[in-house]
Amino acid sequence: MSPLTAFGLFAVTAMLICYALEQRSPWFILAFAGSCALGSLYGFLQGAWPFGLVEAIWALVALRRWHYARVYRQGFRRAW
């Protein structure tokens, strides 16, 4: 297995684990965004730019979800 393939396997595995654990904490959403960014980097390094582009968009979407999840949790804590 080449180092690039190992990096891609790590990125996709991290995405899967973080996605499965998103409901536990907003930090898993942030970790998902980071792993999507790693997947994007892998796509561009591999030469599959459509994959890299889509993963970059997913990273931005996940960052937005993380932001709103944090705001919601902080507002919920203040309300109680």
PDB file of N, CA and C in Angstrom:
ATOM      1  N   MET A   1       0.857  -1.173   0.000  1.00  0.00           N
ATOM      2  CA  MET A   1       0.000   0.000   0.000  1.00  0.00           C
ATOM      3  C   MET A   1       0.899   1.231   0.000  1.00  0.00           C
ATOM      4  N   SER A   2       0.634   2.128  -0.918  1.00  0.00           N
ATOM      5  CA  SER A   2       1.426   3.358  -1.015  1.00  0.00           C
ATOM      6  C   SER A   2       1.046   4.325   0.112  1.00  0.00           C
ATOM      7  N   PRO A   3       1.922   5.249   0.434  1.00  0.00           N
ATOM      8  CA  PRO A   3       1.591   6.245   1.463  1.00  0.00           C
ATOM      9  C   PRO A   3       0.343   7.070   1.095  1.00  0.00           C
ATOM     10  N   LEU A   4       0.183   7.380  -0.181  1.00  0.00           N
ATOM     11  CA  LEU A   4      -0.997   8.144  -0.600  1.00  0.00           C
ATOM     12  C   LEU A   4      -2.276   7.347  -0.377  1.00  0.00           C
ATOM     13  N   THR A   5      -2.253   6.060  -0.698  1.00  0.00           N
ATOM     14  CA  THR A   5      -3.426   5.206  -0.478  1.00  0.00           C
ATOM     15  C   THR A   5      -3.725   5.077   1.015  1.00  0.00           C
ATOM     16  N   ALA A   6      -2.692   4.946   1.830  1.00  0.00           N
ATOM     17  CA  ALA A   6      -2.880   4.869   3.283  1.00  0.00           C
ATOM     18  C   ALA A   6      -3.490   6.164   3.821  1.00  0.00           C
ATOM     19  N   PHE A   7      -3.025   7.290   3.288  1.00  0.00           N
ATOM     20  CA  PHE A   7      -3.586   8.587   3.689  1.00  0.00           C
ATOM     21  C   PHE A   7      -5.072   8.669   3.325  1.00  0.00           C
ATOM     22  N   GLY A   8      -5.421   8.239   2.123  1.00  0.00           N
ATOM     23  CA  GLY A   8      -6.822   8.240   1.699  1.00  0.00           C
ATOM     24  C   GLY A   8      -7.669   7.326   2.552  1.00  0.00           C
ATOM     25  N   LEU A   9      -7.139   6.157   2.894  1.00  0.00           N
ATOM     26  CA  LEU A   9      -7.869   5.226   3.757  1.00  0.00           C
ATOM     27  C   LEU A   9      -8.099   5.836   5.131  1.00  0.00           C
ATOM     28  N   PHE A  10      -7.079   6.499   5.657  1.00  0.00           N
ATOM     29  CA  PHE A  10      -7.234   7.175   6.948  1.00  0.00           C
ATOM     30  C   PHE A  10      -8.316   8.251   6.888  1.00  0.00           C
ATOM     31  N   ALA A  11      -8.281   9.068   5.843  1.00  0.00           N
ATOM     32  CA  ALA A  11      -9.245  10.171   5.717  1.00  0.00           C
ATOM     33  C   ALA A  11     -10.670   9.647   5.627  1.00  0.00           C
ATOM     34  N   VAL A  12     -10.890   8.643   4.820  1.00  0.00           N
ATOM     35  CA  VAL A  12     -12.250   8.109   4.642  1.00  0.00           C
ATOM     36  C   VAL A  12     -12.717   7.381   5.904  1.00  0.00           C
ATOM     37  N   THR A  13     -11.820   6.684   6.570  1.00  0.00           N
ATOM     38  CA  THR A  13     -12.184   6.011   7.819  1.00  0.00           C
ATOM     39  C   THR A  13     -12.534   7.031   8.895  1.00  0.00           C
ATOM     40  N   ALA A  14     -11.760   8.095   8.980  1.00  0.00           N
ATOM     41  CA  ALA A  14     -12.055   9.159   9.947  1.00  0.00           C
ATOM     42  C   ALA A  14     -13.408   9.804   9.645  1.00  0.00           C
ATOM     43  N   MET A  15     -13.709  10.015   8.368  1.00  0.00           N
ATOM     44  CA  MET A  15     -15.018  10.584   8.002  1.00  0.00           C
ATOM     45  C   MET A  15     -16.142   9.674   8.477  1.00  0.00           C
ATOM     46  N   LEU A  16     -16.013   8.387   8.243  1.00  0.00           N
ATOM     47  CA  LEU A  16     -17.049   7.436   8.626  1.00  0.00           C
ATOM     48  C   LEU A  16     -17.261   7.424  10.134  1.00  0.00           C
ATOM     49  N   ILE A  17     -16.181   7.356  10.889  1.00  0.00           N
ATOM     50  CA  ILE A  17     -16.295   7.315  12.351  1.00  0.00           C
ATOM     51  C   ILE A  17     -16.898   8.604  12.893  1.00  0.00           C
ATOM     52  N   CYS A  18     -16.413   9.738  12.415  1.00  0.00           N
ATOM     53  CA  CYS A  18     -16.926  11.027  12.905  1.00  0.00           C
ATOM     54  C   CYS A  18     -18.383  11.231  12.520  1.00  0.00           C
ATOM     55  N   TYR A  19     -18.758  10.802  11.337  1.00  0.00           N
ATOM     56  CA  TYR A  19     -20.152  10.922  10.915  1.00  0.00           C
ATOM     57  C   TYR A  19     -21.054  10.080  11.806  1.00  0.00           C
ATOM     58  N   ALA A  20     -20.593   8.891  12.162  1.00  0.00           N
ATOM     59  CA  ALA A  20     -21.394   8.011  13.016  1.00  0.00           C
ATOM     60  C   ALA A  20     -21.552   8.577  14.424  1.00  0.00           C
ATOM     61  N   LEU A  21     -20.599   9.386  14.872  1.00  0.00           N
ATOM     62  CA  LEU A  21     -20.623   9.912  16.239  1.00  0.00           C
ATOM     63  C   LEU A  21     -21.089  11.363  16.326  1.00  0.00           C
ATOM     64  N   GLU A  22     -21.564  11.935  15.246  1.00  0.00           N
ATOM     65  CA  GLU A  22     -21.948  13.356  15.226  1.00  0.00           C
ATOM     66  C   GLU A  22     -22.982  13.735  16.274  1.00  0.00           C
ATOM     67  N   GLN A  23     -23.890  12.839  16.581  1.00  0.00           N
ATOM     68  CA  GLN A  23     -24.962  13.166  17.528  1.00  0.00           C
ATOM     69  C   GLN A  23     -24.458  13.310  18.961  1.00  0.00           C
ATOM     70  N   ARG A  24     -23.267  12.826  19.230  1.00  0.00           N
ATOM     71  CA  ARG A  24     -22.736  12.866  20.591  1.00  0.00           C
ATOM     72  C   ARG A  24     -22.201  14.233  20.984  1.00  0.00           C
ATOM     73  N   SER A  25     -21.634  14.951  20.028  1.00  0.00           N
ATOM     74  CA  SER A  25     -21.029  16.237  20.351  1.00  0.00           C
ATOM     75  C   SER A  25     -20.781  17.032  19.071  1.00  0.00           C
ATOM     76  N   PRO A  26     -20.894  18.349  19.151  1.00  0.00           N
ATOM     77  CA  PRO A  26     -20.543  19.165  17.989  1.00  0.00           C
ATOM     78  C   PRO A  26     -19.085  19.008  17.575  1.00  0.00           C
ATOM     79  N   TRP A  27     -18.240  18.559  18.485  1.00  0.00           N
ATOM     80  CA  TRP A  27     -16.827  18.386  18.150  1.00  0.00           C
ATOM     81  C   TRP A  27     -16.631  17.274  17.135  1.00  0.00           C
ATOM     82  N   PHE A  28     -17.525  16.297  17.123  1.00  0.00           N
ATOM     83  CA  PHE A  28     -17.445  15.262  16.093  1.00  0.00           C
ATOM     84  C   PHE A  28     -17.830  15.820  14.724  1.00  0.00           C
ATOM     85  N   ILE A  29     -18.703  16.836  14.710  1.00  0.00           N
ATOM     86  CA  ILE A  29     -19.030  17.496  13.443  1.00  0.00           C
ATOM     87  C   ILE A  29     -17.802  18.241  12.927  1.00  0.00           C
ATOM     88  N   LEU A  30     -17.088  18.900  13.836  1.00  0.00           N
ATOM     89  CA  LEU A  30     -15.858  19.590  13.449  1.00  0.00           C
ATOM     90  C   LEU A  30     -14.805  18.591  12.960  1.00  0.00           C
ATOM     91  N   ALA A  31     -14.691  17.471  13.649  1.00  0.00           N
ATOM     92  CA  ALA A  31     -13.751  16.433  13.218  1.00  0.00           C
ATOM     93  C   ALA A  31     -14.155  15.871  11.855  1.00  0.00           C
ATOM     94  N   PHE A  32     -15.455  15.762  11.606  1.00  0.00           N
ATOM     95  CA  PHE A  32     -15.934  15.321  10.299  1.00  0.00           C
ATOM     96  C   PHE A  32     -15.517  16.324   9.223  1.00  0.00           C
ATOM     97  N   ALA A  33     -15.646  17.615   9.539  1.00  0.00           N
ATOM     98  CA  ALA A  33     -15.232  18.649   8.582  1.00  0.00           C
ATOM     99  C   ALA A  33     -13.739  18.534   8.286  1.00  0.00           C
ATOM    100  N   GLY A  34     -12.943  18.306   9.320  1.00  0.00           N
ATOM    101  CA  GLY A  34     -11.511  18.148   9.118  1.00  0.00           C
ATOM    102  C   GLY A  34     -11.170  16.918   8.296  1.00  0.00           C
ATOM    103  N   SER A  35     -11.879  15.829   8.542  1.00  0.00           N
ATOM    104  CA  SER A  35     -11.611  14.614   7.767  1.00  0.00           C
ATOM    105  C   SER A  35     -12.086  14.773   6.327  1.00  0.00           C
ATOM    106  N   CYS A  36     -13.139  15.561   6.100  1.00  0.00           N
ATOM    107  CA  CYS A  36     -13.544  15.863   4.724  1.00  0.00           C
ATOM    108  C   CYS A  36     -12.464  16.682   4.019  1.00  0.00           C
ATOM    109  N   ALA A  37     -11.852  17.604   4.759  1.00  0.00           N
ATOM    110  CA  ALA A  37     -10.753  18.385   4.177  1.00  0.00           C
ATOM    111  C   ALA A  37      -9.577  17.474   3.827  1.00  0.00           C
ATOM    112  N   LEU A  38      -9.292  16.501   4.687  1.00  0.00           N
ATOM    113  CA  LEU A  38      -8.241  15.532   4.370  1.00  0.00           C
ATOM    114  C   LEU A  38      -8.611  14.702   3.144  1.00  0.00           C
ATOM    115  N   GLY A  39      -9.884  14.328   3.059  1.00  0.00           N
ATOM    116  CA  GLY A  39     -10.339  13.588   1.879  1.00  0.00           C
ATOM    117  C   GLY A  39     -10.228  14.427   0.619  1.00  0.00           C
ATOM    118  N   SER A  40     -10.492  15.704   0.743  1.00  0.00           N
ATOM    119  CA  SER A  40     -10.347  16.610  -0.390  1.00  0.00           C
ATOM    120  C   SER A  40      -8.887  16.690  -0.829  1.00  0.00           C
ATOM    121  N   LEU A  41      -8.008  16.833   0.146  1.00  0.00           N
ATOM    122  CA  LEU A  41      -6.583  16.871  -0.166  1.00  0.00           C
ATOM    123  C   LEU A  41      -6.151  15.585  -0.862  1.00  0.00           C
ATOM    124  N   TYR A  42      -6.627  14.461  -0.363  1.00  0.00           N
ATOM    125  CA  TYR A  42      -6.314  13.168  -0.992  1.00  0.00           C
ATOM    126  C   TYR A  42      -6.799  13.138  -2.442  1.00  0.00           C
ATOM    127  N   GLY A  43      -8.012  13.609  -2.675  1.00  0.00           N
ATOM    128  CA  GLY A  43      -8.547  13.623  -4.034  1.00  0.00           C
ATOM    129  C   GLY A  43      -7.694  14.454  -4.980  1.00  0.00           C
ATOM    130  N   PHE A  44      -7.282  15.628  -4.526  1.00  0.00           N
ATOM    131  CA  PHE A  44      -6.451  16.479  -5.383  1.00  0.00           C
ATOM    132  C   PHE A  44      -5.062  15.879  -5.594  1.00  0.00           C
ATOM    133  N   LEU A  45      -4.489  15.295  -4.531  1.00  0.00           N
ATOM    134  CA  LEU A  45      -3.166  14.679  -4.672  1.00  0.00           C
ATOM    135  C   LEU A  45      -3.202  13.466  -5.603  1.00  0.00           C
ATOM    136  N   GLN A  46      -4.314  12.766  -5.591  1.00  0.00           N
ATOM    137  CA  GLN A  46      -4.467  11.580  -6.428  1.00  0.00           C
ATOM    138  C   GLN A  46      -4.722  11.957  -7.882  1.00  0.00           C
ATOM    139  N   GLY A  47      -5.191  13.162  -8.099  1.00  0.00           N
ATOM    140  CA  GLY A  47      -5.509  13.608  -9.455  1.00  0.00           C
ATOM    141  C   GLY A  47      -6.981  13.498  -9.783  1.00  0.00           C
ATOM    142  N   ALA A  48      -7.787  13.155  -8.785  1.00  0.00           N
ATOM    143  CA  ALA A  48      -9.237  13.060  -8.979  1.00  0.00           C
ATOM    144  C   ALA A  48      -9.862  14.367  -8.493  1.00  0.00           C
ATOM    145  N   TRP A  49      -9.709  15.420  -9.275  1.00  0.00           N
ATOM    146  CA  TRP A  49     -10.156  16.734  -8.827  1.00  0.00           C
ATOM    147  C   TRP A  49     -11.659  16.832  -8.578  1.00  0.00           C
ATOM    148  N   PRO A  50     -12.541  16.088  -9.300  1.00  0.00           N
ATOM    149  CA  PRO A  50     -13.964  16.180  -8.926  1.00  0.00           C
ATOM    150  C   PRO A  50     -14.217  15.681  -7.498  1.00  0.00           C
ATOM    151  N   PHE A  51     -13.551  14.594  -7.117  1.00  0.00           N
ATOM    152  CA  PHE A  51     -13.670  14.086  -5.753  1.00  0.00           C
ATOM    153  C   PHE A  51     -13.137  15.114  -4.762  1.00  0.00           C
ATOM    154  N   GLY A  52     -11.993  15.701  -5.066  1.00  0.00           N
ATOM    155  CA  GLY A  52     -11.420  16.711  -4.189  1.00  0.00           C
ATOM    156  C   GLY A  52     -12.318  17.919  -4.032  1.00  0.00           C
ATOM    157  N   LEU A  53     -12.946  18.333  -5.107  1.00  0.00           N
ATOM    158  CA  LEU A  53     -13.851  19.483  -5.063  1.00  0.00           C
ATOM    159  C   LEU A  53     -15.095  19.189  -4.230  1.00  0.00           C
ATOM    160  N   VAL A  54     -15.688  18.031  -4.439  1.00  0.00           N
ATOM    161  CA  VAL A  54     -16.896  17.662  -3.684  1.00  0.00           C
ATOM    162  C   VAL A  54     -16.571  17.529  -2.199  1.00  0.00           C
ATOM    163  N   GLU A  55     -15.446  16.927  -1.874  1.00  0.00           N
ATOM    164  CA  GLU A  55     -15.063  16.800  -0.463  1.00  0.00           C
ATOM    165  C   GLU A  55     -14.801  18.162   0.162  1.00  0.00           C
ATOM    166  N   ALA A  56     -14.245  19.098  -0.592  1.00  0.00           N
ATOM    167  CA  ALA A  56     -14.036  20.448  -0.070  1.00  0.00           C
ATOM    168  C   ALA A  56     -15.373  21.121   0.236  1.00  0.00           C
ATOM    169  N   ILE A  57     -16.350  20.917  -0.622  1.00  0.00           N
ATOM    170  CA  ILE A  57     -17.691  21.469  -0.372  1.00  0.00           C
ATOM    171  C   ILE A  57     -18.290  20.832   0.870  1.00  0.00           C
ATOM    172  N   TRP A  58     -18.147  19.502   1.010  1.00  0.00           N
ATOM    173  CA  TRP A  58     -18.653  18.818   2.207  1.00  0.00           C
ATOM    174  C   TRP A  58     -17.985  19.361   3.466  1.00  0.00           C
ATOM    175  N   ALA A  59     -16.710  19.677   3.391  1.00  0.00           N
ATOM    176  CA  ALA A  59     -16.012  20.244   4.547  1.00  0.00           C
ATOM    177  C   ALA A  59     -16.630  21.584   4.939  1.00  0.00           C
ATOM    178  N   LEU A  60     -16.943  22.417   3.945  1.00  0.00           N
ATOM    179  CA  LEU A  60     -17.579  23.712   4.239  1.00  0.00           C
ATOM    180  C   LEU A  60     -18.978  23.533   4.817  1.00  0.00           C
ATOM    181  N   VAL A  61     -19.729  22.602   4.276  1.00  0.00           N
ATOM    182  CA  VAL A  61     -21.074  22.318   4.807  1.00  0.00           C
ATOM    183  C   VAL A  61     -20.973  21.842   6.252  1.00  0.00           C
ATOM    184  N   ALA A  62     -20.022  20.969   6.537  1.00  0.00           N
ATOM    185  CA  ALA A  62     -19.858  20.455   7.891  1.00  0.00           C
ATOM    186  C   ALA A  62     -19.418  21.566   8.850  1.00  0.00           C
ATOM    187  N   LEU A  63     -18.569  22.471   8.400  1.00  0.00           N
ATOM    188  CA  LEU A  63     -18.184  23.603   9.251  1.00  0.00           C
ATOM    189  C   LEU A  63     -19.387  24.464   9.596  1.00  0.00           C
ATOM    190  N   ARG A  64     -20.241  24.661   8.633  1.00  0.00           N
ATOM    191  CA  ARG A  64     -21.469  25.441   8.884  1.00  0.00           C
ATOM    192  C   ARG A  64     -22.371  24.713   9.884  1.00  0.00           C
ATOM    193  N   ARG A  65     -22.507  23.395   9.718  1.00  0.00           N
ATOM    194  CA  ARG A  65     -23.318  22.603  10.648  1.00  0.00           C
ATOM    195  C   ARG A  65     -22.730  22.648  12.055  1.00  0.00           C
ATOM    196  N   TRP A  66     -21.389  22.604  12.159  1.00  0.00           N
ATOM    197  CA  TRP A  66     -20.732  22.674  13.457  1.00  0.00           C
ATOM    198  C   TRP A  66     -21.023  24.020  14.125  1.00  0.00           C
ATOM    199  N   HIS A  67     -20.927  25.092  13.350  1.00  0.00           N
ATOM    200  CA  HIS A  67     -21.198  26.424  13.895  1.00  0.00           C
ATOM    201  C   HIS A  67     -22.613  26.497  14.452  1.00  0.00           C
ATOM    202  N   TYR A  68     -23.590  26.057  13.684  1.00  0.00           N
ATOM    203  CA  TYR A  68     -24.978  26.117  14.148  1.00  0.00           C
ATOM    204  C   TYR A  68     -25.239  25.158  15.297  1.00  0.00           C
ATOM    205  N   ALA A  69     -24.570  24.023  15.334  1.00  0.00           N
ATOM    206  CA  ALA A  69     -24.733  23.092  16.449  1.00  0.00           C
ATOM    207  C   ALA A  69     -24.194  23.712  17.738  1.00  0.00           C
ATOM    208  N   ARG A  70     -23.082  24.419  17.645  1.00  0.00           N
ATOM    209  CA  ARG A  70     -22.536  25.091  18.832  1.00  0.00           C
ATOM    210  C   ARG A  70     -23.450  26.205  19.302  1.00  0.00           C
ATOM    211  N   VAL A  71     -23.957  26.993  18.387  1.00  0.00           N
ATOM    212  CA  VAL A  71     -24.850  28.095  18.756  1.00  0.00           C
ATOM    213  C   VAL A  71     -26.113  27.539  19.415  1.00  0.00           C
ATOM    214  N   TYR A  72     -26.653  26.476  18.851  1.00  0.00           N
ATOM    215  CA  TYR A  72     -27.863  25.878  19.414  1.00  0.00           C
ATOM    216  C   TYR A  72     -27.604  25.345  20.814  1.00  0.00           C
ATOM    217  N   ARG A  73     -26.487  24.653  21.003  1.00  0.00           N
ATOM    218  CA  ARG A  73     -26.188  24.090  22.327  1.00  0.00           C
ATOM    219  C   ARG A  73     -25.954  25.184  23.349  1.00  0.00           C
ATOM    220  N   GLN A  74     -25.269  26.271  22.967  1.00  0.00           N
ATOM    221  CA  GLN A  74     -25.015  27.352  23.908  1.00  0.00           C
ATOM    222  C   GLN A  74     -26.312  28.062  24.254  1.00  0.00           C
ATOM    223  N   GLY A  75     -27.166  28.280  23.270  1.00  0.00           N
ATOM    224  CA  GLY A  75     -28.455  28.903  23.531  1.00  0.00           C
ATOM    225  C   GLY A  75     -29.331  28.038  24.396  1.00  0.00           C
ATOM    226  N   PHE A  76     -29.267  26.742  24.176  1.00  0.00           N
ATOM    227  CA  PHE A  76     -30.063  25.811  24.978  1.00  0.00           C
ATOM    228  C   PHE A  76     -29.598  25.823  26.421  1.00  0.00           C
ATOM    229  N   ARG A  77     -28.305  25.896  26.659  1.00  0.00           N
ATOM    230  CA  ARG A  77     -27.779  25.938  28.017  1.00  0.00           C
ATOM    231  C   ARG A  77     -28.208  27.222  28.727  1.00  0.00           C
ATOM    232  N   ARG A  78     -28.183  28.329  28.013  1.00  0.00           N
ATOM    233  CA  ARG A  78     -28.567  29.617  28.618  1.00  0.00           C
ATOM    234  C   ARG A  78     -30.052  29.638  28.970  1.00  0.00           C
ATOM    235  N   ALA A  79     -30.850  28.970  28.159  1.00  0.00           N
ATOM    236  CA  ALA A  79     -32.288  28.977  28.406  1.00  0.00           C
ATOM    237  C   ALA A  79     -32.632  28.209  29.685  1.00  0.00           C
ATOM    238  N   TRP A  80     -31.779  27.277  30.053  1.00  0.00           N
ATOM    239  CA  TRP A  80     -32.049  26.478  31.247  1.00  0.00           C
ATOM    240  C   TRP A  80     -31.248  27.041  32.380  1.00  0.00           C
TER     241      TRP A  80
END
